[in-house]
Amino acid sequence: MKTLDLKLIPILEEKYGPKWWPVHYPEETSKDQFKHLIMTVLSQNTSEANCIRAYNGLTAKFEIKPEVLAKAREAEIREAIRSGGLYNVKAKRIPKKEAREKLMELPGIGPKTADVLLTSRHGYSQVFVVDTHMDRITKRLGLVKPNAKYEEIQIALKNFIPWDKGERVSGLFWLLAKYTCKAQNPKCSECPIIGACDYGKKTKSETTKYTHTSLPRF
């Protein structure tokens, strides 16, 4: 079973620490579970800045409470969150309950969104969120099979990341996935953990083979 080499943590910090999240979310969303859930729904498929704009638009028009939003007309919610993008879809997803099993019964709430909410209470080491970046890097590392499901990836990452070194390590790992292990044109030559990566090793081997076969012969 692969695990992240502890010697690489300072390297990850040096390379990705400066890219740490510059956006500060409204303080109340970290204290109120329902507001945190609303913020999570609004963050789907958009930037942090757009997410905050949509949340501010919603708070300007409504009090962020289940009983208030449950009575609001969808058209009013849609107009309030227009600046966040995909407002037609998200207006239908403003939910009313908590807890993973119940959350996933709601429209538009899958495992990832439910887990994002629960991390604020239990921490990433207990409820680890698997987004597209984590899905991609886990499969490229060879921690799971290409067709692995959400929960399988979640377990593999829990085993790979040294949680006893702090949750910041998982954030640095996510930043590596986003900025280096890109979906298109991944920067394998710049990757600090290429030695543990099945995809990276294969790419490096193919590049070396191509270079050798391309050299002129005298």
Protein backbone atom coordinates (compact mmCIF):
# COMPACT_ATOMS: atom_id res chain seq x y z
CA MET A 1 0.00 0.00 0.00
CA LYS A 2 1.40 3.37 -1.05
CA THR A 3 1.77 6.21 1.44
CA LEU A 4 3.06 9.73 1.00
CA ASP A 5 6.79 9.96 1.82
CA LEU A 6 7.11 12.23 4.85
CA LYS A 7 10.30 13.72 3.38
CA LEU A 8 8.18 15.27 0.62
CA ILE A 9 5.99 17.33 2.96
CA PRO A 10 8.49 20.26 3.25
CA ILE A 11 8.82 20.22 -0.55
CA LEU A 12 5.04 20.35 -0.97
CA GLU A 13 4.90 23.22 1.52
CA GLU A 14 7.56 25.19 -0.32
CA LYS A 15 6.00 24.65 -3.75
CA TYR A 16 2.29 24.91 -2.95
CA GLY A 17 2.12 26.83 0.32
CA PRO A 18 2.17 30.19 -1.54
CA LYS A 19 -0.88 29.03 -3.53
CA TRP A 20 -2.94 28.50 -0.37
CA TRP A 21 -6.52 29.77 -0.58
CA PRO A 22 -6.52 33.58 -0.68
CA VAL A 23 -10.30 33.84 -0.55
CA HIS A 24 -11.94 34.25 2.86
CA TYR A 25 -15.46 32.96 3.18
CA PRO A 26 -18.02 34.74 5.37
CA GLU A 27 -17.28 33.83 9.00
CA GLU A 28 -20.83 32.72 9.76
CA THR A 29 -20.58 29.88 7.23
CA SER A 30 -17.97 28.15 9.39
CA LYS A 31 -20.14 28.37 12.51
CA ASP A 32 -23.61 27.65 11.17
CA GLN A 33 -24.09 24.23 9.56
CA PHE A 34 -27.00 25.27 7.38
CA LYS A 35 -25.18 28.35 6.07
CA HIS A 36 -22.16 26.18 5.38
CA LEU A 37 -24.35 23.83 3.36
CA ILE A 38 -25.80 26.71 1.36
CA MET A 39 -22.28 27.94 0.61
CA THR A 40 -21.30 24.42 -0.47
CA VAL A 41 -24.20 24.19 -2.92
CA LEU A 42 -23.36 27.62 -4.34
CA SER A 43 -19.70 26.60 -4.79
CA GLN A 44 -20.54 23.81 -7.22
CA ASN A 45 -18.85 24.31 -10.61
CA THR A 46 -17.80 27.90 -10.04
CA SER A 47 -14.95 29.95 -8.61
CA GLU A 48 -14.64 30.95 -4.94
CA ALA A 49 -15.23 34.59 -5.86
CA ASN A 50 -18.47 33.79 -7.73
CA CYS A 51 -19.59 31.58 -4.87
CA ILE A 52 -19.18 34.40 -2.35
CA ARG A 53 -20.96 36.87 -4.64
CA ALA A 54 -23.90 34.48 -4.91
CA TYR A 55 -23.99 33.96 -1.15
CA ASN A 56 -23.91 37.71 -0.50
CA GLY A 57 -26.74 38.14 -3.00
CA LEU A 58 -28.76 35.52 -1.18
CA THR A 59 -28.15 37.03 2.27
CA ALA A 60 -29.10 40.47 0.98
CA LYS A 61 -32.56 39.19 0.11
CA PHE A 62 -33.20 36.37 2.61
CA GLU A 63 -32.37 35.34 6.13
CA ILE A 64 -30.36 32.13 5.71
CA LYS A 65 -32.59 29.75 7.64
CA PRO A 66 -34.28 26.55 6.46
CA GLU A 67 -37.76 27.79 7.24
CA VAL A 68 -37.19 31.04 5.33
CA LEU A 69 -35.65 29.53 2.20
CA ALA A 70 -38.19 26.72 2.16
CA LYS A 71 -40.95 29.31 1.71
CA ALA A 72 -39.06 31.42 -0.84
CA ARG A 73 -40.05 31.27 -4.48
CA GLU A 74 -37.51 29.60 -6.73
CA ALA A 75 -37.52 32.61 -9.06
CA GLU A 76 -36.54 34.89 -6.17
CA ILE A 77 -33.67 32.61 -5.14
CA ARG A 78 -32.55 32.34 -8.74
CA GLU A 79 -32.37 36.11 -9.07
CA ALA A 80 -30.53 36.48 -5.74
CA ILE A 81 -27.75 34.05 -6.69
CA ARG A 82 -27.53 35.03 -10.36
CA SER A 83 -23.93 36.32 -9.99
CA GLY A 84 -22.69 32.87 -8.95
CA GLY A 85 -23.31 31.07 -12.25
CA LEU A 86 -25.59 28.06 -12.94
CA TYR A 87 -28.22 29.87 -10.89
CA ASN A 88 -31.11 28.11 -12.66
CA VAL A 89 -29.83 24.75 -11.43
CA LYS A 90 -28.64 25.82 -7.98
CA ALA A 91 -31.89 27.60 -7.16
CA LYS A 92 -33.51 24.16 -7.09
CA ARG A 93 -30.80 22.76 -4.80
CA ILE A 94 -31.07 25.05 -1.76
CA PRO A 95 -31.70 22.28 0.80
CA LYS A 96 -33.33 21.97 4.21
CA LYS A 97 -31.68 19.12 6.21
CA GLU A 98 -28.34 17.85 7.51
CA ALA A 99 -26.37 14.59 7.95
CA ARG A 100 -24.81 12.63 5.10
CA GLU A 101 -27.56 10.07 4.46
CA LYS A 102 -30.33 12.67 4.61
CA LEU A 103 -28.34 15.18 2.57
CA MET A 104 -27.84 12.71 -0.25
CA GLU A 105 -31.60 12.26 -0.54
CA LEU A 106 -31.87 15.89 -1.64
CA PRO A 107 -31.67 16.93 -5.31
CA GLY A 108 -28.19 17.96 -6.34
CA ILE A 109 -26.51 16.65 -3.16
CA GLY A 110 -24.09 13.82 -3.83
CA PRO A 111 -21.32 12.32 -1.68
CA LYS A 112 -18.89 15.18 -2.34
CA THR A 113 -21.29 17.96 -1.34
CA ALA A 114 -22.42 16.08 1.75
CA ASP A 115 -18.82 15.48 2.79
CA VAL A 116 -17.85 19.12 2.29
CA LEU A 117 -20.53 20.07 4.79
CA LEU A 118 -19.53 17.44 7.33
CA THR A 119 -15.83 18.36 7.26
CA SER A 120 -16.62 21.59 9.09
CA ARG A 121 -17.77 19.53 12.06
CA HIS A 122 -15.57 16.43 11.94
CA GLY A 123 -12.47 17.57 10.01
CA TYR A 124 -10.94 16.29 6.76
CA SER A 125 -9.24 13.34 8.43
CA GLN A 126 -12.67 11.91 9.31
CA VAL A 127 -14.70 13.04 6.29
CA PHE A 128 -12.43 13.44 3.29
CA VAL A 129 -13.81 15.21 0.23
CA VAL A 130 -13.10 13.70 -3.19
CA ASP A 131 -13.47 16.27 -5.96
CA THR A 132 -12.37 16.02 -9.60
CA HIS A 133 -8.77 16.93 -8.72
CA MET A 134 -8.51 14.26 -6.01
CA ASP A 135 -10.25 11.71 -8.22
CA ARG A 136 -7.75 12.33 -11.01
CA ILE A 137 -4.54 12.26 -8.96
CA THR A 138 -5.60 9.18 -6.99
CA LYS A 139 -6.12 7.22 -10.20
CA ARG A 140 -2.90 8.49 -11.77
CA LEU A 141 -0.91 7.54 -8.70
CA GLY A 142 -2.31 4.04 -9.02
CA LEU A 143 -3.94 4.06 -5.61
CA VAL A 144 -7.19 2.81 -7.14
CA LYS A 145 -8.40 1.36 -10.41
CA PRO A 146 -9.57 3.74 -13.18
CA ASN A 147 -13.22 2.81 -12.56
CA ALA A 148 -13.03 3.19 -8.76
CA LYS A 149 -16.07 4.64 -7.00
CA TYR A 150 -16.15 7.69 -4.73
CA GLU A 151 -15.90 5.73 -1.46
CA GLU A 152 -12.98 3.61 -2.76
CA ILE A 153 -11.03 6.74 -3.64
CA GLN A 154 -11.85 8.24 -0.26
CA ILE A 155 -10.44 5.21 1.57
CA ALA A 156 -7.30 5.13 -0.59
CA LEU A 157 -6.57 8.79 0.12
CA LYS A 158 -7.13 8.34 3.84
CA ASN A 159 -4.45 5.64 3.75
CA PHE A 160 -2.08 7.59 1.50
CA ILE A 161 -2.05 10.94 3.32
CA PRO A 162 -0.28 11.07 6.74
CA TRP A 163 -3.07 12.63 8.78
CA ASP A 164 -0.97 12.63 11.94
CA LYS A 165 1.07 15.42 10.33
CA GLY A 166 -1.94 17.71 10.18
CA GLU A 167 -4.79 18.43 7.78
CA ARG A 168 -2.71 21.05 5.95
CA VAL A 169 -0.91 18.21 4.17
CA SER A 170 -4.16 17.23 2.47
CA GLY A 171 -4.61 20.83 1.31
CA LEU A 172 -1.10 20.91 -0.14
CA PHE A 173 -1.80 17.59 -1.87
CA TRP A 174 -4.97 19.06 -3.38
CA LEU A 175 -3.03 22.07 -4.64
CA LEU A 176 -0.53 19.71 -6.27
CA ALA A 177 -3.43 17.98 -8.00
CA LYS A 178 -4.87 21.27 -9.20
CA TYR A 179 -1.74 23.08 -10.37
CA THR A 180 0.62 20.27 -11.38
CA CYS A 181 -1.42 17.11 -11.97
CA LYS A 182 -3.75 18.90 -14.38
CA ALA A 183 -6.43 17.13 -16.38
CA GLN A 184 -4.91 18.46 -19.61
CA ASN A 185 -1.14 18.62 -20.06
CA PRO A 186 -0.09 17.56 -16.56
CA LYS A 187 3.32 18.89 -15.51
CA CYS A 188 4.83 15.52 -14.62
CA SER A 189 8.40 16.80 -14.89
CA GLU A 190 7.66 19.30 -12.10
CA CYS A 191 5.84 16.87 -9.81
CA PRO A 192 7.46 16.31 -6.40
CA ILE A 193 5.87 12.87 -6.04
CA ILE A 194 6.46 11.48 -9.53
CA GLY A 195 8.49 8.67 -7.98
CA ALA A 196 5.28 7.27 -6.48
CA CYS A 197 3.11 7.87 -9.54
CA ASP A 198 2.24 5.12 -12.03
CA TYR A 199 1.11 7.64 -14.65
CA GLY A 200 4.19 9.82 -14.15
CA LYS A 201 6.60 6.92 -14.44
CA LYS A 202 4.91 5.74 -17.63
CA THR A 203 5.00 9.25 -19.11
CA LYS A 204 8.65 9.68 -18.17
CA SER A 205 9.54 6.32 -19.69
CA GLU A 206 7.72 7.11 -22.94
CA THR A 207 9.38 10.53 -23.14
CA THR A 208 12.83 9.01 -22.65
CA LYS A 209 12.12 6.33 -25.26
CA TYR A 210 10.91 8.93 -27.77
CA THR A 211 13.98 11.10 -27.15
CA HIS A 212 16.36 8.21 -27.72
CA THR A 213 14.64 7.05 -30.92
CA SER A 214 14.58 10.65 -32.22
CA LEU A 215 18.32 11.26 -31.84
CA PRO A 216 20.21 11.39 -35.16
CA ARG A 217 22.50 8.45 -35.85
CA PHE A 218 25.97 9.00 -37.30
